[in-house]
Amino acid sequence: MIDEFAKDNLHGRLRRDREALLWKLDGLSEYDVRRPLTATGTSLLGLVKHVATVEARYFGEVFDRPSPEPLCRWQDSDGSDLWANEDESRDQIVEFYRRTWEHSDATIDALPLDAPGHVPWWSEPRPNTNLFAVLTHVLAETVRHTGQADILRESIDGRTGLRAEHEQRIDEEARAAHRAKIEQAARSAASIGARNS
């Protein structure tokens, strides 16, 4: 009973955060979803592609249920899952992610939480694991990258949040005043710290 509750809860949260990650692309130009927004080149569409690849590997290879999507061997990964090249459309990457969901969901639905899995890219002594650990790991990975996407999206047009229906209209004046208050607190703390050193 508790296993089914745990599995349903984790799986539900994974579904929620998948949708949130895709929502971060809504309404943006091709350039804005692809452009590097950090020093390391992180982009919104790159995050979607990466999370799709991660999920395809974990709910595929790990449980001997290979993804129907073409993936290079994990040993041959060259980082190309972290960005979208000019030949890959937004729709192709989003559809890859959605097809990955179908395959992952089928794996999650078919197996009990204690189903054994083997993650060859995890170092000893941890490569032997189970569905519970993998589901938790993939959920954490998805949440982490969705949080990154939230910050990246905010840097483009100020939009934040988990779902469109909870989004509130941006009050630029209130936002600027709040930011100024935080900036002043940071400067004051730095000044106090410098005096106390």
C-alpha atoms as a PDB file:
ATOM      1  CA  MET A   1       0.000   0.000   0.000  1.00  0.00           C
ATOM      2  CA  ILE A   2       2.718   2.510   0.973  1.00  0.00           C
ATOM      3  CA  ASP A   3       4.745   1.525  -2.102  1.00  0.00           C
ATOM      4  CA  GLU A   4       1.885   2.384  -4.439  1.00  0.00           C
ATOM      5  CA  PHE A   5       1.273   5.675  -2.616  1.00  0.00           C
ATOM      6  CA  ALA A   6       4.976   6.565  -2.837  1.00  0.00           C
ATOM      7  CA  LYS A   7       5.196   5.573  -6.493  1.00  0.00           C
ATOM      8  CA  ASP A   8       2.064   7.528  -7.425  1.00  0.00           C
ATOM      9  CA  ASN A   9       3.252  10.575  -5.492  1.00  0.00           C
ATOM     10  CA  LEU A  10       6.744  10.612  -7.013  1.00  0.00           C
ATOM     11  CA  HIS A  11       5.407   9.901 -10.485  1.00  0.00           C
ATOM     12  CA  GLY A  12       2.813  12.684 -10.135  1.00  0.00           C
ATOM     13  CA  ARG A  13       5.478  15.168  -9.143  1.00  0.00           C
ATOM     14  CA  LEU A  14       7.644  14.105 -12.068  1.00  0.00           C
ATOM     15  CA  ARG A  15       4.736  14.679 -14.445  1.00  0.00           C
ATOM     16  CA  ARG A  16       4.084  18.119 -12.922  1.00  0.00           C
ATOM     17  CA  ASP A  17       7.690  19.230 -13.267  1.00  0.00           C
ATOM     18  CA  ARG A  18       8.005  17.924 -16.826  1.00  0.00           C
ATOM     19  CA  GLU A  19       5.127  20.212 -17.803  1.00  0.00           C
ATOM     20  CA  ALA A  20       6.647  23.130 -15.883  1.00  0.00           C
ATOM     21  CA  LEU A  21       9.928  22.724 -17.755  1.00  0.00           C
ATOM     22  CA  LEU A  22       8.183  22.794 -21.126  1.00  0.00           C
ATOM     23  CA  TRP A  23       6.132  25.823 -20.077  1.00  0.00           C
ATOM     24  CA  LYS A  24       9.372  27.790 -19.784  1.00  0.00           C
ATOM     25  CA  LEU A  25       9.580  27.720 -23.600  1.00  0.00           C
ATOM     26  CA  ASP A  26       6.097  29.133 -24.207  1.00  0.00           C
ATOM     27  CA  GLY A  27       5.931  32.390 -26.108  1.00  0.00           C
ATOM     28  CA  LEU A  28       9.663  32.716 -26.699  1.00  0.00           C
ATOM     29  CA  SER A  29      11.393  33.156 -30.043  1.00  0.00           C
ATOM     30  CA  GLU A  30      13.642  30.485 -31.551  1.00  0.00           C
ATOM     31  CA  TYR A  31      16.619  32.603 -30.598  1.00  0.00           C
ATOM     32  CA  ASP A  32      15.540  33.049 -26.975  1.00  0.00           C
ATOM     33  CA  VAL A  33      14.938  29.331 -26.356  1.00  0.00           C
ATOM     34  CA  ARG A  34      18.339  28.446 -27.866  1.00  0.00           C
ATOM     35  CA  ARG A  35      20.687  31.241 -26.874  1.00  0.00           C
ATOM     36  CA  PRO A  36      23.307  30.628 -24.187  1.00  0.00           C
ATOM     37  CA  LEU A  37      22.206  32.393 -21.020  1.00  0.00           C
ATOM     38  CA  THR A  38      25.099  31.417 -18.740  1.00  0.00           C
ATOM     39  CA  ALA A  39      28.885  31.362 -19.042  1.00  0.00           C
ATOM     40  CA  THR A  40      28.699  27.598 -19.628  1.00  0.00           C
ATOM     41  CA  GLY A  41      26.194  27.947 -22.478  1.00  0.00           C
ATOM     42  CA  THR A  42      23.024  26.787 -20.718  1.00  0.00           C
ATOM     43  CA  SER A  43      19.878  27.435 -22.746  1.00  0.00           C
ATOM     44  CA  LEU A  44      16.212  26.685 -22.152  1.00  0.00           C
ATOM     45  CA  LEU A  45      15.862  24.280 -25.078  1.00  0.00           C
ATOM     46  CA  GLY A  46      19.175  22.683 -24.118  1.00  0.00           C
ATOM     47  CA  LEU A  47      17.780  21.959 -20.651  1.00  0.00           C
ATOM     48  CA  VAL A  48      14.731  20.269 -22.173  1.00  0.00           C
ATOM     49  CA  LYS A  49      16.906  18.164 -24.481  1.00  0.00           C
ATOM     50  CA  HIS A  50      19.206  17.208 -21.605  1.00  0.00           C
ATOM     51  CA  VAL A  51      16.387  16.216 -19.245  1.00  0.00           C
ATOM     52  CA  ALA A  52      14.768  14.162 -22.016  1.00  0.00           C
ATOM     53  CA  THR A  53      18.027  12.310 -22.627  1.00  0.00           C
ATOM     54  CA  VAL A  54      18.615  11.714 -18.921  1.00  0.00           C
ATOM     55  CA  GLU A  55      15.097  10.367 -18.460  1.00  0.00           C
ATOM     56  CA  ALA A  56      15.376   8.155 -21.565  1.00  0.00           C
ATOM     57  CA  ARG A  57      18.569   6.586 -20.213  1.00  0.00           C
ATOM     58  CA  TYR A  58      17.400   6.061 -16.638  1.00  0.00           C
ATOM     59  CA  PHE A  59      14.015   4.538 -17.417  1.00  0.00           C
ATOM     60  CA  GLY A  60      15.403   2.697 -20.436  1.00  0.00           C
ATOM     61  CA  GLU A  61      18.885   1.212 -20.156  1.00  0.00           C
ATOM     62  CA  VAL A  62      18.857   0.958 -16.368  1.00  0.00           C
ATOM     63  CA  PHE A  63      15.895  -1.443 -16.392  1.00  0.00           C
ATOM     64  CA  ASP A  64      16.800  -3.239 -19.620  1.00  0.00           C
ATOM     65  CA  ARG A  65      13.930  -1.480 -21.387  1.00  0.00           C
ATOM     66  CA  PRO A  66      15.907   0.505 -23.996  1.00  0.00           C
ATOM     67  CA  SER A  67      14.380   3.719 -25.202  1.00  0.00           C
ATOM     68  CA  PRO A  68      12.946   3.555 -28.715  1.00  0.00           C
ATOM     69  CA  GLU A  69      14.624   6.933 -29.266  1.00  0.00           C
ATOM     70  CA  PRO A  70      18.070   6.883 -30.871  1.00  0.00           C
ATOM     71  CA  LEU A  71      20.647   7.626 -28.179  1.00  0.00           C
ATOM     72  CA  CYS A  72      24.397   7.365 -28.355  1.00  0.00           C
ATOM     73  CA  ARG A  73      25.973   4.957 -25.901  1.00  0.00           C
ATOM     74  CA  TRP A  74      26.372   6.690 -22.551  1.00  0.00           C
ATOM     75  CA  GLN A  75      30.139   6.141 -22.779  1.00  0.00           C
ATOM     76  CA  ASP A  76      30.178   8.122 -26.029  1.00  0.00           C
ATOM     77  CA  SER A  77      28.224  11.099 -24.745  1.00  0.00           C
ATOM     78  CA  ASP A  78      29.899  14.300 -25.915  1.00  0.00           C
ATOM     79  CA  GLY A  79      27.709  16.934 -24.263  1.00  0.00           C
ATOM     80  CA  SER A  80      25.571  17.471 -27.371  1.00  0.00           C
ATOM     81  CA  ASP A  81      22.500  16.699 -25.258  1.00  0.00           C
ATOM     82  CA  LEU A  82      23.030  20.046 -23.502  1.00  0.00           C
ATOM     83  CA  TRP A  83      22.207  22.320 -26.443  1.00  0.00           C
ATOM     84  CA  ALA A  84      20.126  22.422 -29.611  1.00  0.00           C
ATOM     85  CA  ASN A  85      21.937  22.654 -32.907  1.00  0.00           C
ATOM     86  CA  GLU A  86      20.487  24.570 -35.850  1.00  0.00           C
ATOM     87  CA  ASP A  87      19.144  21.374 -37.480  1.00  0.00           C
ATOM     88  CA  GLU A  88      17.009  20.441 -34.472  1.00  0.00           C
ATOM     89  CA  SER A  89      13.681  22.210 -34.246  1.00  0.00           C
ATOM     90  CA  ARG A  90      12.007  23.131 -31.006  1.00  0.00           C
ATOM     91  CA  ASP A  91       9.132  20.819 -31.960  1.00  0.00           C
ATOM     92  CA  GLN A  92      11.522  17.897 -32.540  1.00  0.00           C
ATOM     93  CA  ILE A  93      13.075  18.297 -29.100  1.00  0.00           C
ATOM     94  CA  VAL A  94       9.745  18.797 -27.345  1.00  0.00           C
ATOM     95  CA  GLU A  95       8.285  15.749 -29.109  1.00  0.00           C
ATOM     96  CA  PHE A  96      11.383  13.718 -28.189  1.00  0.00           C
ATOM     97  CA  TYR A  97      10.747  14.677 -24.562  1.00  0.00           C
ATOM     98  CA  ARG A  98       7.059  13.770 -24.779  1.00  0.00           C
ATOM     99  CA  ARG A  99       7.828  10.380 -26.393  1.00  0.00           C
ATOM    100  CA  THR A 100      10.375   9.806 -23.649  1.00  0.00           C
ATOM    101  CA  TRP A 101       7.627  10.463 -21.079  1.00  0.00           C
ATOM    102  CA  GLU A 102       5.509   7.734 -22.656  1.00  0.00           C
ATOM    103  CA  HIS A 103       8.347   5.224 -22.482  1.00  0.00           C
ATOM    104  CA  SER A 104       9.317   6.267 -18.950  1.00  0.00           C
ATOM    105  CA  ASP A 105       5.718   6.167 -17.754  1.00  0.00           C
ATOM    106  CA  ALA A 106       5.342   2.656 -19.164  1.00  0.00           C
ATOM    107  CA  THR A 107       8.472   1.559 -17.269  1.00  0.00           C
ATOM    108  CA  ILE A 108       7.287   3.184 -14.031  1.00  0.00           C
ATOM    109  CA  ASP A 109       3.806   1.682 -14.377  1.00  0.00           C
ATOM    110  CA  ALA A 110       5.102  -1.804 -15.208  1.00  0.00           C
ATOM    111  CA  LEU A 111       7.638  -2.185 -12.417  1.00  0.00           C
ATOM    112  CA  PRO A 112       7.369  -2.259  -8.616  1.00  0.00           C
ATOM    113  CA  LEU A 113       9.448   0.256  -6.647  1.00  0.00           C
ATOM    114  CA  ASP A 114      11.888  -2.472  -5.625  1.00  0.00           C
ATOM    115  CA  ALA A 115      12.478  -3.606  -9.230  1.00  0.00           C
ATOM    116  CA  PRO A 116      16.232  -4.006  -9.683  1.00  0.00           C
ATOM    117  CA  GLY A 117      18.139  -1.772 -12.049  1.00  0.00           C
ATOM    118  CA  HIS A 118      21.759  -1.258 -12.987  1.00  0.00           C
ATOM    119  CA  VAL A 119      23.245   2.203 -13.654  1.00  0.00           C
ATOM    120  CA  PRO A 120      26.590   1.561 -15.360  1.00  0.00           C
ATOM    121  CA  TRP A 121      27.637   5.224 -15.136  1.00  0.00           C
ATOM    122  CA  TRP A 122      27.308   5.252 -11.323  1.00  0.00           C
ATOM    123  CA  SER A 123      30.541   4.368  -9.584  1.00  0.00           C
ATOM    124  CA  GLU A 124      30.982   1.377  -7.313  1.00  0.00           C
ATOM    125  CA  PRO A 125      29.439   0.327  -5.008  1.00  0.00           C
ATOM    126  CA  ARG A 126      26.197   1.964  -6.172  1.00  0.00           C
ATOM    127  CA  PRO A 127      25.483   0.867  -9.758  1.00  0.00           C
ATOM    128  CA  ASN A 128      22.955  -1.728  -8.600  1.00  0.00           C
ATOM    129  CA  THR A 129      19.802   0.057  -7.571  1.00  0.00           C
ATOM    130  CA  ASN A 130      16.019  -0.060  -7.848  1.00  0.00           C
ATOM    131  CA  LEU A 131      13.114   1.841  -9.366  1.00  0.00           C
ATOM    132  CA  PHE A 132      12.519   3.857  -6.187  1.00  0.00           C
ATOM    133  CA  ALA A 133      16.081   5.231  -6.204  1.00  0.00           C
ATOM    134  CA  VAL A 134      15.993   5.964  -9.935  1.00  0.00           C
ATOM    135  CA  LEU A 135      12.569   7.617  -9.791  1.00  0.00           C
ATOM    136  CA  THR A 136      13.788   9.807  -6.920  1.00  0.00           C
ATOM    137  CA  HIS A 137      17.001  10.619  -8.794  1.00  0.00           C
ATOM    138  CA  VAL A 138      15.233  11.556 -12.046  1.00  0.00           C
ATOM    139  CA  LEU A 139      12.682  13.645 -10.158  1.00  0.00           C
ATOM    140  CA  ALA A 140      15.513  15.524  -8.411  1.00  0.00           C
ATOM    141  CA  GLU A 141      17.294  16.042 -11.733  1.00  0.00           C
ATOM    142  CA  THR A 142      14.095  17.346 -13.346  1.00  0.00           C
ATOM    143  CA  VAL A 143      13.337  19.670 -10.426  1.00  0.00           C
ATOM    144  CA  ARG A 144      16.895  21.011 -10.478  1.00  0.00           C
ATOM    145  CA  HIS A 145      16.831  21.790 -14.180  1.00  0.00           C
ATOM    146  CA  THR A 146      13.304  23.214 -14.019  1.00  0.00           C
ATOM    147  CA  GLY A 147      14.559  25.598 -11.333  1.00  0.00           C
ATOM    148  CA  GLN A 148      17.415  26.610 -13.603  1.00  0.00           C
ATOM    149  CA  ALA A 149      14.928  27.150 -16.424  1.00  0.00           C
ATOM    150  CA  ASP A 150      12.800  29.323 -14.136  1.00  0.00           C
ATOM    151  CA  ILE A 151      15.747  31.618 -13.444  1.00  0.00           C
ATOM    152  CA  LEU A 152      16.763  31.707 -17.112  1.00  0.00           C
ATOM    153  CA  ARG A 153      13.223  32.561 -18.183  1.00  0.00           C
ATOM    154  CA  GLU A 154      13.037  35.302 -15.574  1.00  0.00           C
ATOM    155  CA  SER A 155      16.233  36.801 -17.019  1.00  0.00           C
ATOM    156  CA  ILE A 156      14.639  36.950 -20.478  1.00  0.00           C
ATOM    157  CA  ASP A 157      11.229  38.465 -19.796  1.00  0.00           C
ATOM    158  CA  GLY A 158      10.561  38.373 -16.061  1.00  0.00           C
ATOM    159  CA  ARG A 159       8.118  35.433 -16.167  1.00  0.00           C
ATOM    160  CA  THR A 160       8.362  33.003 -13.271  1.00  0.00           C
ATOM    161  CA  GLY A 161       6.381  30.199 -11.725  1.00  0.00           C
ATOM    162  CA  LEU A 162       5.407  26.575 -12.014  1.00  0.00           C
ATOM    163  CA  ARG A 163       2.283  26.786 -14.164  1.00  0.00           C
ATOM    164  CA  ALA A 164       0.602  29.355 -16.371  1.00  0.00           C
ATOM    165  CA  GLU A 165      -2.618  29.343 -14.350  1.00  0.00           C
ATOM    166  CA  HIS A 166      -0.722  30.533 -11.252  1.00  0.00           C
ATOM    167  CA  GLU A 167       1.225  33.256 -13.004  1.00  0.00           C
ATOM    168  CA  GLN A 168       0.497  36.785 -11.812  1.00  0.00           C
ATOM    169  CA  ARG A 169       0.857  39.930 -13.841  1.00  0.00           C
ATOM    170  CA  ILE A 170       4.276  41.510 -13.354  1.00  0.00           C
ATOM    171  CA  ASP A 171       4.200  44.800 -11.431  1.00  0.00           C
ATOM    172  CA  GLU A 172       7.495  46.277 -12.681  1.00  0.00           C
ATOM    173  CA  GLU A 173       7.477  49.105 -10.150  1.00  0.00           C
ATOM    174  CA  ALA A 174       6.918  46.806  -7.164  1.00  0.00           C
ATOM    175  CA  ARG A 175       9.513  44.357  -8.495  1.00  0.00           C
ATOM    176  CA  ALA A 176      12.109  47.127  -8.897  1.00  0.00           C
ATOM    177  CA  ALA A 177      11.425  48.435  -5.369  1.00  0.00           C
ATOM    178  CA  HIS A 178      11.765  44.926  -3.910  1.00  0.00           C
ATOM    179  CA  ARG A 179      15.033  44.354  -5.766  1.00  0.00           C
ATOM    180  CA  ALA A 180      16.381  47.728  -4.580  1.00  0.00           C
ATOM    181  CA  LYS A 181      15.552  46.812  -0.971  1.00  0.00           C
ATOM    182  CA  ILE A 182      17.476  43.531  -1.285  1.00  0.00           C
ATOM    183  CA  GLU A 183      20.394  45.318  -2.985  1.00  0.00           C
ATOM    184  CA  GLN A 184      20.541  47.836  -0.130  1.00  0.00           C
ATOM    185  CA  ALA A 185      20.520  45.051   2.476  1.00  0.00           C
ATOM    186  CA  ALA A 186      23.388  43.301   0.653  1.00  0.00           C
ATOM    187  CA  ARG A 187      25.440  46.517   0.499  1.00  0.00           C
ATOM    188  CA  SER A 188      24.791  47.229   4.186  1.00  0.00           C
ATOM    189  CA  ALA A 189      25.813  43.711   5.212  1.00  0.00           C
ATOM    190  CA  ALA A 190      28.999  43.975   3.111  1.00  0.00           C
ATOM    191  CA  SER A 191      29.812  47.333   4.700  1.00  0.00           C
ATOM    192  CA  ILE A 192      29.290  45.935   8.237  1.00  0.00           C
ATOM    193  CA  GLY A 193      31.413  42.910   7.364  1.00  0.00           C
ATOM    194  CA  ALA A 194      34.220  45.088   6.024  1.00  0.00           C
ATOM    195  CA  ARG A 195      34.220  47.204   9.224  1.00  0.00           C
ATOM    196  CA  ASN A 196      34.332  44.087  11.426  1.00  0.00           C
ATOM    197  CA  SER A 197      37.279  42.524   9.569  1.00  0.00           C
END
